[in-house]
Amino acid sequence: MSLIITDECIACDACRDECPNYAIEEGDPIYIIDSDRCTECVGHYEEPSCIEVCPVDCIIIDPDNQETMEELKFKYEQLVEEEA
């Protein structure tokens, strides 16, 4: 399950620096999450760090992009290999 940012986003930039996978980009007018890079922080943290720092609670699970824990772990491993 990748995360998405809703229209309530105030473009405060708090989430972007917190993402260990660099999955959050500045959009127009709100920020967006690249579902190919979002692992919900699997491999890094217990909980998605962007959700924890968002001051307006606008980051939610994308109901149209459901992924299992195994799929998230696999995506994390692929991202680690890319960086090596």
Protein backbone atom coordinates (compact mmCIF):
# COMPACT_ATOMS: atom_id res chain seq x y z
CA MET A 1 0.00 0.00 0.00
CA SER A 2 1.63 3.11 -1.14
CA LEU A 3 0.69 6.35 0.51
CA ILE A 4 -0.94 9.37 -1.09
CA ILE A 5 -1.22 13.01 -0.15
CA THR A 6 -4.71 14.47 -0.12
CA ASP A 7 -5.90 17.90 -1.19
CA GLU A 8 -5.61 19.10 2.42
CA CYS A 9 -1.82 19.37 1.91
CA ILE A 10 -0.50 22.82 2.81
CA ALA A 11 2.84 22.25 1.00
CA CYS A 12 4.78 22.84 4.21
CA ASP A 13 7.70 20.60 3.11
CA ALA A 14 7.79 18.70 6.43
CA CYS A 15 7.28 15.30 4.82
CA ARG A 16 9.77 15.51 1.96
CA ASP A 17 12.93 15.58 4.08
CA GLU A 18 11.61 12.78 6.29
CA CYS A 19 11.22 10.26 3.45
CA PRO A 20 14.17 7.82 3.46
CA ASN A 21 13.32 6.68 -0.09
CA TYR A 22 13.07 10.16 -1.65
CA ALA A 23 9.54 9.30 -2.76
CA ILE A 24 7.97 12.69 -2.01
CA GLU A 25 8.19 15.50 -4.53
CA GLU A 26 6.87 19.01 -4.69
CA GLY A 27 3.82 19.12 -6.92
CA ASP A 28 1.49 21.85 -8.03
CA PRO A 29 -0.18 22.80 -5.75
CA ILE A 30 0.35 19.86 -3.34
CA TYR A 31 3.13 17.38 -2.78
CA ILE A 32 2.98 13.94 -4.41
CA ILE A 33 4.30 10.51 -3.46
CA ASP A 34 5.96 8.29 -6.08
CA SER A 35 4.31 4.91 -5.51
CA ASP A 36 7.30 3.15 -7.12
CA ARG A 37 9.55 4.47 -4.34
CA CYS A 38 7.19 4.48 -1.35
CA THR A 39 7.67 1.48 0.95
CA GLU A 40 5.74 3.04 3.84
CA CYS A 41 9.18 3.17 5.50
CA VAL A 42 9.45 -0.64 5.56
CA GLY A 43 13.16 -1.34 5.99
CA HIS A 44 13.74 1.99 7.70
CA TYR A 45 11.19 2.68 10.44
CA GLU A 46 8.29 1.06 12.26
CA GLU A 47 5.79 3.64 10.96
CA PRO A 48 5.77 5.90 7.90
CA SER A 49 7.79 8.94 8.93
CA CYS A 50 5.89 11.30 6.63
CA ILE A 51 2.62 10.56 8.40
CA GLU A 52 4.19 11.25 11.77
CA VAL A 53 5.47 14.72 10.80
CA CYS A 54 2.51 15.93 8.74
CA PRO A 55 0.89 18.81 10.62
CA VAL A 56 -2.47 18.46 8.83
CA ASP A 57 -2.77 14.65 8.62
CA CYS A 58 -3.13 14.65 4.84
CA ILE A 59 -1.08 11.52 4.12
CA ILE A 60 -3.15 8.35 3.88
CA ILE A 61 -2.96 4.83 2.51
CA ASP A 62 -3.80 4.77 -1.20
CA PRO A 63 -6.90 2.58 -1.55
CA ASP A 64 -6.09 2.05 -5.24
CA ASN A 65 -2.56 0.78 -4.63
CA GLN A 66 -2.71 -2.06 -2.13
CA GLU A 67 0.61 -3.84 -1.44
CA THR A 68 1.43 -6.67 0.96
CA MET A 69 4.23 -6.46 3.50
CA GLU A 70 6.24 -8.84 1.31
CA GLU A 71 5.80 -6.54 -1.70
CA LEU A 72 6.90 -3.53 0.36
CA LYS A 73 9.98 -5.43 1.59
CA PHE A 74 10.82 -6.46 -1.99
CA LYS A 75 10.48 -2.86 -3.18
CA TYR A 76 12.77 -1.72 -0.34
CA GLU A 77 15.38 -4.32 -1.33
CA GLN A 78 15.22 -3.16 -4.96
CA LEU A 79 15.75 0.46 -3.91
CA VAL A 80 18.74 -0.53 -1.77
CA GLU A 81 20.27 -2.37 -4.74
CA GLU A 82 19.76 0.70 -6.97
CA GLU A 83 21.70 2.86 -4.52
CA ALA A 84 24.62 0.42 -4.20
